Amino acid sequence: MEASRVHVPHSLGAHRSAHPESWSTQLGWFGAAAVIGFAVPYLGSSVLDLRHDVYLAIYFASVLALCVAYVGSTGLDLRTTLSRHWKLSSMLGLVFGIALVRNVFSEDATSRPDGAYFVFELIWRGGIYGAIDALLLTVLPCLIVYRSLGGRLATWRRRLAYFGASLALVMTMTAVYHLGYSQYREDGIGAPETGNTIISMPMLLTTNPIGSVVDHAAMHISAVAHNYETEVRLPPPTKADGTERPG
């Protein structure tokens, strides 16, 4: 009698590994983000030395294209992501945001542009730049860990795993991105690592991105208003008179 046979699809293992919420798939997206996060500032600022407003347009487009591709390819539910624990994230964002803004205004003021260009810079180099930075440096790393864990954080063990792994990816992405600028390759990345760890706390503690995105935007807006010529907060550095400094 012929033995019964069970047919196992050859691609079963591949389908499992290619699941949009598998570790391999999600970490693949992290790798792609890290490449973009380093290459864009390195080429646009350090190599080509583009004017900062032009460079930022390229950076914004690159990060937004990455995020759109990630959402579409992995089937991320944006409504659920934004509504999950949004009140707590917003409250924590307010608390950390006040501390971040106060810290910016505790530093010495620098010259800044005037008139319509200053308003433009508050929006472009301030709010939009801060929000885009938050997407790359905080939101994407945290989402990658959250989704790799299947979105199941019912136990303290899994919550701690989410917090620890997300923090590790946030710090890694922060380092990779800032090392694309010559100023940080010379002066080190301690300041941005500390600052972005604080900015990331609302999402690290709640899994909701709202508080962290608002905090990063608020920090950038404050820096444009008070510390426009900063060497640390708004790479690549520039002067109020329009003179560009190597980034």
Protein backbone atom coordinates (compact mmCIF):
# COMPACT_ATOMS: atom_id res chain seq x y z
CA MET A 1 0.00 0.00 0.00
CA GLU A 2 1.33 3.41 -0.97
CA ALA A 3 2.09 5.59 2.02
CA SER A 4 -0.07 8.68 2.32
CA ARG A 5 1.75 11.90 1.59
CA VAL A 6 1.18 15.39 2.90
CA HIS A 7 2.06 18.14 0.47
CA VAL A 8 3.98 21.01 2.07
CA PRO A 9 4.30 24.10 -0.13
CA HIS A 10 7.91 24.90 -0.91
CA SER A 11 7.32 28.58 -0.21
CA LEU A 12 5.82 28.12 3.26
CA GLY A 13 8.98 29.16 5.06
CA ALA A 14 9.46 32.07 2.69
CA HIS A 15 5.89 33.29 3.27
CA ARG A 16 6.42 33.18 7.01
CA SER A 17 9.68 35.08 6.87
CA ALA A 18 8.20 37.59 4.47
CA HIS A 19 5.18 38.37 6.68
CA PRO A 20 4.96 42.16 7.02
CA GLU A 21 5.23 41.98 10.81
CA SER A 22 8.06 39.46 11.01
CA TRP A 23 11.34 40.56 12.56
CA SER A 24 13.19 39.94 9.29
CA THR A 25 10.83 42.14 7.28
CA GLN A 26 10.72 44.92 9.84
CA LEU A 27 14.48 44.97 10.39
CA GLY A 28 14.92 45.06 6.64
CA TRP A 29 12.98 48.32 6.65
CA PHE A 30 15.16 49.59 9.48
CA GLY A 31 18.24 48.84 7.41
CA ALA A 32 16.81 50.72 4.44
CA ALA A 33 15.96 53.67 6.68
CA ALA A 34 19.47 53.70 8.12
CA VAL A 35 21.01 53.80 4.64
CA ILE A 36 18.78 56.72 3.65
CA GLY A 37 19.32 58.39 7.02
CA PHE A 38 23.09 58.46 6.52
CA ALA A 39 23.35 58.86 2.75
CA VAL A 40 21.08 61.89 2.34
CA PRO A 41 22.87 64.17 4.85
CA TYR A 42 26.31 62.86 3.88
CA LEU A 43 25.82 63.48 0.17
CA GLY A 44 23.62 66.56 0.38
CA SER A 45 25.45 68.36 3.17
CA SER A 46 28.97 67.00 3.50
CA VAL A 47 29.74 66.18 -0.15
CA LEU A 48 27.62 68.53 -2.27
CA ASP A 49 27.38 71.28 0.38
CA LEU A 50 23.88 72.25 -0.75
CA ARG A 51 22.19 75.36 0.59
CA HIS A 52 20.33 74.25 3.69
CA ASP A 53 16.82 74.98 2.39
CA VAL A 54 17.49 73.00 -0.79
CA TYR A 55 19.07 70.16 1.14
CA LEU A 56 16.09 70.02 3.50
CA ALA A 57 13.69 69.68 0.55
CA ILE A 58 15.61 66.60 -0.61
CA TYR A 59 15.74 65.20 2.93
CA PHE A 60 12.01 65.73 3.47
CA ALA A 61 11.13 64.06 0.16
CA SER A 62 13.41 61.08 0.91
CA VAL A 63 12.00 60.42 4.38
CA LEU A 64 8.39 60.90 3.30
CA ALA A 65 8.91 58.52 0.35
CA LEU A 66 10.40 55.95 2.75
CA CYS A 67 7.45 56.30 5.15
CA VAL A 68 4.86 56.04 2.38
CA ALA A 69 6.57 52.91 1.06
CA TYR A 70 6.72 51.41 4.57
CA VAL A 71 3.04 52.08 5.26
CA GLY A 72 1.93 50.71 1.91
CA SER A 73 4.18 47.65 1.81
CA THR A 74 3.56 46.51 5.39
CA GLY A 75 -0.12 47.46 5.64
CA LEU A 76 0.26 49.77 8.61
CA ASP A 77 -3.09 50.93 10.01
CA LEU A 78 -2.50 54.66 10.50
CA ARG A 79 -5.79 55.29 12.31
CA THR A 80 -5.04 52.64 14.92
CA THR A 81 -1.45 53.85 15.27
CA LEU A 82 -2.51 57.45 15.90
CA SER A 83 -5.47 56.66 18.17
CA ARG A 84 -3.70 54.16 20.44
CA HIS A 85 -3.04 55.82 23.84
CA TRP A 86 -3.12 59.25 22.15
CA LYS A 87 -4.20 61.12 25.28
CA LEU A 88 -1.30 59.80 27.34
CA SER A 89 1.15 60.44 24.50
CA SER A 90 -0.13 64.01 24.16
CA MET A 91 0.15 64.62 27.90
CA LEU A 92 3.70 63.27 28.03
CA GLY A 93 4.52 65.30 24.93
CA LEU A 94 3.38 68.44 26.76
CA VAL A 95 5.52 67.64 29.80
CA PHE A 96 8.68 66.80 27.87
CA GLY A 97 8.01 69.53 25.32
CA ILE A 98 7.97 72.26 27.96
CA ALA A 99 11.31 71.00 29.28
CA LEU A 100 12.82 70.91 25.78
CA VAL A 101 11.66 74.42 24.87
CA ARG A 102 12.87 75.83 28.17
CA ASN A 103 16.25 74.24 27.59
CA VAL A 104 16.53 75.90 24.15
CA PHE A 105 15.66 79.32 25.56
CA SER A 106 18.12 78.88 28.42
CA GLU A 107 20.97 79.13 25.89
CA ASP A 108 22.39 82.34 24.46
CA ALA A 109 20.35 83.80 21.63
CA THR A 110 21.88 84.17 18.15
CA SER A 111 21.04 86.35 15.18
CA ARG A 112 18.11 85.26 13.03
CA PRO A 113 16.48 86.32 9.75
CA ASP A 114 13.70 88.90 9.63
CA GLY A 115 10.37 89.30 7.89
CA ALA A 116 8.75 86.76 5.61
CA TYR A 117 11.87 84.59 5.40
CA PHE A 118 11.88 84.21 9.19
CA VAL A 119 8.25 83.03 9.08
CA PHE A 120 9.19 80.60 6.31
CA GLU A 121 12.09 79.26 8.36
CA LEU A 122 9.88 78.78 11.43
CA ILE A 123 7.67 76.53 9.30
CA TRP A 124 10.30 74.89 7.05
CA ARG A 125 13.40 74.55 9.23
CA GLY A 126 11.30 74.52 12.37
CA GLY A 127 8.01 72.61 12.36
CA ILE A 128 8.35 70.53 9.19
CA TYR A 129 12.01 69.65 9.76
CA GLY A 130 11.27 68.63 13.35
CA ALA A 131 8.33 66.45 12.35
CA ILE A 132 10.31 64.73 9.56
CA ASP A 133 13.22 64.11 11.92
CA ALA A 134 10.80 62.53 14.40
CA LEU A 135 9.45 60.17 11.74
CA LEU A 136 12.93 58.90 10.87
CA LEU A 137 14.62 58.95 14.26
CA THR A 138 11.78 57.92 16.59
CA VAL A 139 8.53 56.83 14.95
CA LEU A 140 9.88 54.34 12.44
CA PRO A 141 12.25 52.57 14.90
CA CYS A 142 9.50 52.26 17.52
CA LEU A 143 6.94 51.00 15.00
CA ILE A 144 9.40 48.40 13.76
CA VAL A 145 9.78 46.93 17.25
CA TYR A 146 6.09 47.24 18.13
CA ARG A 147 5.00 45.43 14.98
CA SER A 148 7.74 42.81 15.27
CA LEU A 149 6.26 41.98 18.67
CA GLY A 150 2.88 41.57 17.01
CA GLY A 151 1.50 44.61 18.77
CA ARG A 152 1.02 42.51 21.89
CA LEU A 153 2.34 44.30 24.97
CA ALA A 154 -0.03 42.85 27.57
CA THR A 155 2.70 41.81 30.01
CA TRP A 156 5.41 43.86 31.69
CA ARG A 157 8.03 41.62 30.11
CA ARG A 158 6.83 42.47 26.61
CA ARG A 159 6.49 46.17 27.48
CA LEU A 160 10.06 46.23 28.73
CA ALA A 161 11.16 44.38 25.59
CA TYR A 162 9.43 47.01 23.46
CA PHE A 163 10.97 49.86 25.42
CA GLY A 164 14.50 48.44 25.42
CA ALA A 165 14.58 47.31 21.79
CA SER A 166 12.95 50.53 20.58
CA LEU A 167 15.41 52.67 22.52
CA ALA A 168 18.30 50.70 21.01
CA LEU A 169 16.99 51.29 17.47
CA VAL A 170 16.22 54.96 18.19
CA MET A 171 19.77 55.54 19.41
CA THR A 172 21.23 53.62 16.49
CA MET A 173 19.23 55.61 13.93
CA THR A 174 20.08 58.87 15.71
CA ALA A 175 23.78 58.05 15.54
CA VAL A 176 23.73 56.94 11.89
CA TYR A 177 21.80 60.01 10.77
CA HIS A 178 23.90 62.58 12.63
CA LEU A 179 27.17 61.02 11.51
CA GLY A 180 26.14 62.01 8.00
CA TYR A 181 27.01 65.60 8.98
CA SER A 182 30.66 66.59 9.27
CA GLN A 183 30.05 68.64 12.44
CA TYR A 184 29.03 65.52 14.38
CA ARG A 185 31.84 63.43 12.98
CA GLU A 186 34.15 66.04 14.47
CA ASP A 187 32.33 66.91 17.70
CA GLY A 188 30.59 63.64 18.57
CA ILE A 189 26.94 62.67 18.81
CA GLY A 190 26.39 62.86 22.57
CA ALA A 191 24.13 65.92 22.44
CA PRO A 192 21.72 64.65 19.75
CA GLU A 193 21.59 61.21 21.36
CA THR A 194 20.56 62.73 24.69
CA GLY A 195 18.10 65.14 23.12
CA ASN A 196 16.39 62.56 20.92
CA THR A 197 16.14 60.07 23.77
CA ILE A 198 14.11 62.66 25.69
CA ILE A 199 12.04 63.50 22.61
CA SER A 200 11.31 59.79 22.06
CA MET A 201 9.97 59.18 25.57
CA PRO A 202 6.28 59.76 24.75
CA MET A 203 6.35 57.06 22.06
CA LEU A 204 8.61 54.76 24.06
CA LEU A 205 6.17 54.91 26.97
CA THR A 206 2.88 54.79 25.03
CA THR A 207 3.60 53.40 21.50
CA ASN A 208 1.79 56.46 20.10
CA PRO A 209 3.87 58.86 17.94
CA ILE A 210 1.93 62.10 18.52
CA GLY A 211 3.82 63.36 21.59
CA SER A 212 7.26 62.70 20.12
CA VAL A 213 6.48 64.28 16.76
CA VAL A 214 5.10 67.41 18.44
CA ASP A 215 8.11 67.60 20.78
CA HIS A 216 10.65 67.36 17.97
CA ALA A 217 8.79 70.03 16.01
CA ALA A 218 8.57 72.27 19.09
CA MET A 219 12.31 71.95 19.72
CA HIS A 220 13.12 72.91 16.12
CA ILE A 221 10.73 75.86 16.13
CA SER A 222 12.25 77.12 19.39
CA ALA A 223 15.76 76.75 17.99
CA VAL A 224 14.88 78.69 14.83
CA ALA A 225 13.32 81.46 16.92
CA HIS A 226 16.02 81.73 19.59
CA ASN A 227 19.15 79.90 18.46
CA TYR A 228 19.05 80.08 14.66
CA GLU A 229 22.82 79.76 14.19
CA THR A 230 23.09 76.75 16.51
CA GLU A 231 25.88 74.28 15.80
CA VAL A 232 23.94 71.41 17.38
CA ARG A 233 20.16 71.49 16.99
CA LEU A 234 19.56 72.32 13.33
CA PRO A 235 22.03 70.64 10.99
CA PRO A 236 23.44 71.72 8.66
CA PRO A 237 24.42 74.96 10.45
CA THR A 238 23.79 78.28 8.77
CA LYS A 239 23.93 81.98 9.57
CA ALA A 240 21.17 84.56 9.68
CA ASP A 241 22.77 86.50 6.81
CA GLY A 242 22.41 83.47 4.54
CA THR A 243 26.05 82.38 4.71
CA GLU A 244 26.32 78.61 4.72
CA ARG A 245 28.70 76.72 6.94
CA PRO A 246 30.01 73.26 6.09
CA GLY A 247 27.57 70.61 7.30
